[in-house]
Structure formats: structure tokens, C-alpha cells
Amino acid sequence: MRRQLHLLIIDPQNDFCDLPADYLPAGGKPAPSLPVPGAHADMLRVAELINRGGAGIDEISITLDSHHRLDIAHPGFWNSANGDEVTPFTQISAADVRAGKYHPRVAAALPRVLHYLDQLEAAGRYQLMVWPVHCEIGSWGHNVHADVRRAYNLWEERTLRSVTKISKGSNPWTEHYSAVQAEVPDPDDELTQSNRPFLDSLAKADRIYITGEAGSHCVKATTEHIADYFGPEHMAKLVLVSDCMSPVSGFETQYRQFVADMLARGARTANAAQVLAEFQENAEG
């Protein structure tokens, strides 16, 4: 009997991929701003899953990190105490801001920034990280990895179904790792609040195969929110495709703990070869 299989590809975008030279624009510029080691190979495996197993896939969803240049998690938003721009990979706490170590370049934003940082830290999931400018809306880095896009375009033409694309991150006042909701939802911005249509579309599937970048951040945050929504009785639907995701350098421990937590909650892991066999078997069912 055929099952409803849903392939979820989280942020398969150029800025997150450690692309070789022949995947870069002429002259090598621009280049990925936040490349995750192993991401290019991950995306080639995702593309192969679609190309060779697409007949067994019923739905494909892709999330797209989508930021403005000025964003609370980008360097241009901040200055240090001496007026210098804050460098990427700097963590900023509410205490740091209150002590004057860092401050928003727009002075009037200070109350809103402190309110955000207090809420973020109270949630206990993340502390604010300043990342390199990445996935800027309209940029080459925002685009989907070429092989993945080519593969899903062919799948769309063969099945006459459209890939669902979920944008996240366009509100510059909150981090938005998860495709389900922002880390601190903005009550005045529906796009930062719980994405129930996305969750409901996943709930219709018998299995959801989760891939994408980065395993330590956006894959982790999205999967955790999906797991919270599904509850223990539906965790067996979730399959982490282990060789189709990789962590940001320096966050390997967080990634391993995330996988362990999901397994303990009832999800499972599989590699791309195992998943391809499941897709192909489903096509015959």
C-alpha cells in the first residue's frame, strides 16, 4: 500500500553550502557567506533522492532563510562600546547590552532590543548570535543549491505538483531559525507566529524525511518545533536523513545532542541510501 511521504528540505541555499569553484559565479564572487562543511555533498544526495526516488515522494517542502541586510543577528545592526562594528560569530546577551559592551546603532531601538533579548534568554533555546550577512533577499546567496532546484523542477514537471516554499526570517527584530515560528514571535507580524498551515501539511504525511542545513541550527529548531506540535504519538513519522544535513563548525556537540534527543523522543535516523530504497518501494506500492 502506498504511503504519503513528505520530503522536507530546510534552507538548501547557496550561502550555507561549501560550494566548489565550478558552482560559483564567474570570478568566484559572490561566494557563500556562511558555508557549512559538508553541505554541498549533502545537497547532492538530496538531489539524487528526488531524481531517483521522486515517484515515491508525494510532497516536497523547502524552507528559505530570507533576511534583510540590517537584521538584529547581522553585524551592521550593532556597535561595540568603542564604536566599532561587531564581528560575526559574536554572542550578545542582555547583560552585555545593559553594561554598554554592545549597543544598537540606532539608539532609539535600545528598549525594543533589550525586551527581545530578555524574552529570547527566558525561552532558554538560544543566545543572540551575530552571523555574517547571509541569505539576503534577492541575492545569489539566497538562491537554492543548483542541483536541488534542478531536481525539484523536474519533479514538479513529472508530477504536476508544486514544491511548497516557506519563507522565514524577514522580520529584522527576531531570529527565525525554525520554519515553524520565530524564536520570539512578534505579536504584530503574523509571519513570525506559529505556521499552522505548514504544520498541518506535515501532519497529513505518514512519514516526513528531514534534510537541510544546518543540522545544529535551522534543522534543529524546525524539527524541535514539529516534534512539539506532533507529540509522542506521532514522533515515529519523523526521519532525520543523517547524511543530508551537517552542523555549523563549532556546534557539533549541539547537533549530536539534538539527534540524540529526537531519537529519545521516538524519531529515527536513516541515511540517503536507505531513504532512496523507501522512496522507490513506495513508488511501487
Protein backbone atom coordinates (compact mmCIF):
# COMPACT_ATOMS: atom_id res chain seq x y z
CA MET A 1 0.00 0.00 0.00
CA ARG A 2 1.35 3.41 -0.93
CA ARG A 3 2.16 5.75 1.95
CA GLN A 4 2.14 9.54 1.97
CA LEU A 5 5.81 10.55 2.05
CA HIS A 6 6.84 14.17 2.56
CA LEU A 7 10.39 15.39 1.87
CA LEU A 8 11.31 18.47 3.91
CA ILE A 9 14.43 20.36 2.78
CA ILE A 10 15.47 23.05 5.23
CA ASP A 11 17.39 26.07 3.89
CA PRO A 12 19.19 24.41 0.94
CA GLN A 13 20.64 27.78 -0.04
CA ASN A 14 23.92 28.84 -1.61
CA ASP A 15 25.09 30.85 1.40
CA PHE A 16 25.03 27.71 3.55
CA CYS A 17 26.82 25.42 1.07
CA ASP A 18 30.57 24.81 0.85
CA LEU A 19 30.40 25.02 -2.91
CA PRO A 20 33.33 24.09 -5.16
CA ALA A 21 34.69 26.66 -7.61
CA ASP A 22 32.64 25.43 -10.56
CA TYR A 23 29.42 26.18 -8.67
CA LEU A 24 30.38 29.82 -8.05
CA PRO A 25 29.59 32.78 -10.31
CA ALA A 26 32.26 33.88 -12.77
CA GLY A 27 35.34 35.03 -10.92
CA GLY A 28 34.29 33.30 -7.73
CA LYS A 29 32.27 36.24 -6.43
CA PRO A 30 29.96 36.29 -4.66
CA ALA A 31 30.79 33.26 -2.56
CA PRO A 32 28.83 31.56 0.23
CA SER A 33 28.89 33.78 3.33
CA LEU A 34 28.15 31.07 5.90
CA PRO A 35 29.26 27.75 4.38
CA VAL A 36 28.60 24.63 6.41
CA PRO A 37 31.29 21.95 5.94
CA GLY A 38 29.73 19.02 4.10
CA ALA A 39 26.64 20.91 2.92
CA HIS A 40 27.43 20.67 -0.80
CA ALA A 41 27.70 16.88 -0.59
CA ASP A 42 24.52 16.83 1.49
CA MET A 43 22.67 18.72 -1.24
CA LEU A 44 23.95 16.40 -3.97
CA ARG A 45 22.47 13.49 -2.03
CA VAL A 46 19.17 15.36 -1.60
CA ALA A 47 19.06 15.99 -5.35
CA GLU A 48 19.71 12.30 -6.01
CA LEU A 49 16.87 11.33 -3.68
CA ILE A 50 14.49 13.44 -5.76
CA ASN A 51 15.91 12.40 -9.11
CA ARG A 52 15.91 8.66 -8.40
CA GLY A 53 13.11 8.40 -5.85
CA GLY A 54 10.77 11.18 -6.85
CA ALA A 55 8.00 8.86 -7.99
CA GLY A 56 7.62 7.76 -4.39
CA ILE A 57 7.51 11.29 -2.95
CA ASP A 58 4.08 12.86 -2.52
CA GLU A 59 5.05 16.29 -1.21
CA ILE A 60 8.22 18.39 -1.12
CA SER A 61 8.56 21.42 1.13
CA ILE A 62 11.52 23.77 1.11
CA THR A 63 12.23 26.41 3.72
CA LEU A 64 14.11 29.55 2.73
CA ASP A 65 16.08 31.68 5.16
CA SER A 66 15.21 35.21 3.98
CA HIS A 67 16.86 38.21 5.64
CA HIS A 68 17.26 41.93 5.21
CA ARG A 69 20.77 43.30 5.35
CA LEU A 70 20.03 45.16 8.58
CA ASP A 71 18.92 42.47 10.99
CA ILE A 72 19.32 42.02 14.73
CA ALA A 73 21.55 39.00 14.02
CA HIS A 74 23.77 40.76 11.43
CA PRO A 75 26.88 42.89 12.15
CA GLY A 76 25.54 46.15 10.71
CA PHE A 77 22.87 46.33 13.40
CA TRP A 78 25.42 46.66 16.22
CA ASN A 79 28.33 48.70 17.53
CA SER A 80 30.72 47.82 20.30
CA ALA A 81 31.38 50.17 23.22
CA ASN A 82 34.18 51.92 21.30
CA GLY A 83 32.00 52.38 18.21
CA ASP A 84 33.40 49.54 16.11
CA GLU A 85 31.13 47.22 14.14
CA VAL A 86 30.57 43.91 15.88
CA THR A 87 32.29 40.99 14.15
CA PRO A 88 30.45 37.86 13.02
CA PHE A 89 30.16 34.98 15.49
CA THR A 90 29.87 37.34 18.46
CA GLN A 91 27.30 36.35 21.07
CA ILE A 92 25.42 39.21 22.71
CA SER A 93 23.46 38.94 25.94
CA ALA A 94 21.01 41.32 27.55
CA ALA A 95 23.56 41.84 30.31
CA ASP A 96 26.19 42.82 27.72
CA VAL A 97 23.88 45.47 26.31
CA ARG A 98 22.90 46.81 29.72
CA ALA A 99 26.59 47.05 30.60
CA GLY A 100 27.27 49.06 27.45
CA LYS A 101 29.51 46.43 25.85
CA TYR A 102 27.31 46.45 22.74
CA HIS A 103 24.53 48.74 21.59
CA PRO A 104 22.26 49.01 18.54
CA ARG A 105 23.47 51.56 16.01
CA VAL A 106 20.01 53.15 16.12
CA ALA A 107 19.89 54.43 19.70
CA ALA A 108 16.10 54.58 19.78
CA ALA A 109 15.98 50.80 19.24
CA LEU A 110 17.55 50.07 22.64
CA PRO A 111 14.30 49.41 24.60
CA ARG A 112 12.99 47.06 21.93
CA VAL A 113 16.34 45.25 21.70
CA LEU A 114 16.51 44.71 25.46
CA HIS A 115 12.95 43.45 25.54
CA TYR A 116 13.80 41.00 22.77
CA LEU A 117 16.98 39.75 24.41
CA ASP A 118 15.21 39.25 27.73
CA GLN A 119 12.49 37.19 26.04
CA LEU A 120 15.00 35.20 23.99
CA GLU A 121 17.07 34.27 27.02
CA ALA A 122 14.00 33.45 29.09
CA ALA A 123 12.97 30.90 26.45
CA GLY A 124 16.27 29.09 27.07
CA ARG A 125 16.85 27.91 23.50
CA TYR A 126 19.45 30.35 22.19
CA GLN A 127 21.50 33.42 22.99
CA LEU A 128 21.72 36.06 20.28
CA MET A 129 24.44 35.23 17.76
CA VAL A 130 25.71 37.78 15.26
CA TRP A 131 26.14 35.93 11.96
CA PRO A 132 27.72 37.11 8.72
CA VAL A 133 25.15 38.73 6.45
CA HIS A 134 23.53 35.73 4.81
CA CYS A 135 20.55 34.79 2.65
CA GLU A 136 19.87 38.45 1.91
CA ILE A 137 16.60 38.63 0.00
CA GLY A 138 17.28 38.93 -3.72
CA SER A 139 20.92 37.87 -3.50
CA TRP A 140 22.73 34.92 -5.12
CA GLY A 141 23.28 33.50 -1.63
CA HIS A 142 19.53 33.36 -1.08
CA ASN A 143 19.11 31.04 -4.08
CA VAL A 144 18.59 27.29 -3.72
CA HIS A 145 21.55 24.99 -4.47
CA ALA A 146 21.50 24.47 -8.25
CA ASP A 147 21.28 20.66 -8.22
CA VAL A 148 18.45 20.63 -5.69
CA ARG A 149 16.49 23.22 -7.66
CA ARG A 150 17.04 21.33 -10.92
CA ALA A 151 15.88 18.10 -9.30
CA TYR A 152 12.72 19.53 -7.79
CA ASN A 153 11.88 21.39 -11.01
CA LEU A 154 11.93 18.05 -12.85
CA TRP A 155 9.81 16.50 -10.09
CA GLU A 156 7.27 19.32 -10.49
CA GLU A 157 7.09 18.77 -14.25
CA ARG A 158 6.71 15.00 -13.89
CA THR A 159 4.14 15.03 -11.10
CA LEU A 160 2.33 18.29 -11.97
CA ARG A 161 2.62 19.26 -8.30
CA SER A 162 4.36 22.35 -6.98
CA VAL A 163 7.04 22.35 -4.30
CA THR A 164 5.86 24.29 -1.25
CA LYS A 165 8.26 27.08 -0.28
CA ILE A 166 8.23 28.54 3.22
CA SER A 167 9.99 31.85 3.78
CA LYS A 168 11.32 32.75 7.23
CA GLY A 169 13.48 35.47 8.70
CA SER A 170 12.26 38.65 7.02
CA ASN A 171 11.40 40.34 10.33
CA PRO A 172 14.67 42.03 11.34
CA TRP A 173 13.76 42.19 15.04
CA THR A 174 13.80 38.48 15.84
CA GLU A 175 15.86 35.42 14.97
CA HIS A 176 13.98 32.86 12.93
CA TYR A 177 15.88 29.58 12.88
CA SER A 178 12.74 27.47 12.82
CA ALA A 179 10.37 27.39 9.86
CA VAL A 180 7.52 26.89 12.35
CA GLN A 181 7.90 30.17 14.22
CA ALA A 182 10.44 32.84 15.18
CA GLU A 183 12.43 32.46 18.37
CA VAL A 184 10.48 35.39 19.82
CA PRO A 185 7.26 35.83 17.83
CA ASP A 186 6.31 39.43 17.07
CA PRO A 187 2.63 39.94 18.00
CA ASP A 188 2.32 42.47 15.17
CA ASP A 189 3.78 40.15 12.50
CA GLU A 190 1.83 37.01 11.60
CA LEU A 191 4.84 35.64 9.67
CA THR A 192 6.77 35.23 12.93
CA GLN A 193 3.98 33.30 14.66
CA SER A 194 3.17 29.60 14.51
CA ASN A 195 2.84 28.46 10.89
CA ARG A 196 -0.16 26.20 11.28
CA PRO A 197 -0.74 25.57 7.56
CA PHE A 198 2.82 24.23 7.28
CA LEU A 199 2.39 22.04 10.36
CA ASP A 200 -0.97 20.76 9.14
CA SER A 201 0.51 19.83 5.76
CA LEU A 202 3.21 17.81 7.50
CA ALA A 203 0.65 16.13 9.75
CA LYS A 204 -1.08 14.60 6.70
CA ALA A 205 2.02 12.55 5.86
CA ASP A 206 2.78 9.04 7.02
CA ARG A 207 6.48 9.90 7.09
CA ILE A 208 8.42 13.16 6.95
CA TYR A 209 12.02 12.95 5.80
CA ILE A 210 14.02 15.88 7.16
CA THR A 211 17.11 17.19 5.36
CA GLY A 212 18.93 20.51 5.02
CA GLU A 213 21.21 22.99 6.71
CA ALA A 214 22.40 23.49 9.25
CA GLY A 215 21.80 20.48 11.46
CA SER A 216 22.90 22.45 14.50
CA HIS A 217 20.55 25.38 13.96
CA CYS A 218 17.69 25.64 11.47
CA VAL A 219 17.19 21.88 11.07
CA LYS A 220 17.37 21.51 14.83
CA ALA A 221 14.98 24.36 15.61
CA THR A 222 12.44 23.39 12.96
CA THR A 223 12.43 19.72 13.94
CA GLU A 224 12.06 20.54 17.63
CA HIS A 225 9.00 22.67 16.92
CA ILE A 226 7.50 19.99 14.68
CA ALA A 227 8.10 17.41 17.40
CA ASP A 228 6.42 19.61 19.99
CA TYR A 229 3.40 20.02 17.73
CA PHE A 230 3.12 16.32 16.88
CA GLY A 231 3.56 14.99 20.40
CA PRO A 232 4.81 11.50 21.36
CA GLU A 233 2.12 9.60 19.44
CA HIS A 234 3.34 10.88 16.04
CA MET A 235 7.10 11.11 16.54
CA ALA A 236 7.65 7.92 14.54
CA LYS A 237 6.69 9.91 11.45
CA LEU A 238 9.94 11.89 11.65
CA VAL A 239 13.04 10.60 9.86
CA LEU A 240 16.31 12.54 10.12
CA VAL A 241 18.31 11.83 6.95
CA SER A 242 21.71 11.71 8.60
CA ASP A 243 23.94 12.27 5.57
CA CYS A 244 21.78 15.07 4.16
CA MET A 245 22.49 17.58 6.95
CA SER A 246 25.61 18.93 8.67
CA PRO A 247 26.33 21.24 11.64
CA VAL A 248 27.93 24.67 11.66
CA SER A 249 31.60 24.39 12.60
CA GLY A 250 31.99 24.59 16.36
CA PHE A 251 28.43 23.40 17.01
CA GLU A 252 28.97 19.69 16.51
CA THR A 253 28.11 18.88 20.14
CA GLN A 254 24.78 20.70 19.90
CA TYR A 255 23.99 18.79 16.72
CA ARG A 256 24.77 15.40 18.25
CA GLN A 257 22.65 16.24 21.29
CA PHE A 258 19.76 17.29 19.05
CA VAL A 259 19.86 13.97 17.18
CA ALA A 260 20.04 12.05 20.44
CA ASP A 261 17.08 13.99 21.83
CA MET A 262 14.97 13.31 18.74
CA LEU A 263 15.79 9.60 18.86
CA ALA A 264 14.84 9.50 22.54
CA ARG A 265 11.51 11.11 21.67
CA GLY A 266 10.72 8.48 19.04
CA ALA A 267 12.08 9.78 15.73
CA ARG A 268 14.54 7.71 13.72
CA THR A 269 17.57 8.31 11.55
CA ALA A 270 18.33 6.85 8.12
CA ASN A 271 20.96 7.54 5.51
CA ALA A 272 20.21 8.63 1.96
CA ALA A 273 20.64 5.12 0.53
CA GLN A 274 18.06 3.74 2.96
CA VAL A 275 15.66 6.59 2.24
CA LEU A 276 16.04 6.13 -1.51
CA ALA A 277 15.06 2.48 -1.13
CA GLU A 278 11.96 3.56 0.83
CA PHE A 279 11.01 6.10 -1.85
CA GLN A 280 11.46 3.55 -4.61
CA GLU A 281 9.47 0.91 -2.73
CA ASN A 282 6.68 3.44 -2.19
CA ALA A 283 6.56 4.19 -5.91
CA GLU A 284 5.77 0.53 -6.50
CA GLY A 285 3.20 0.29 -3.72
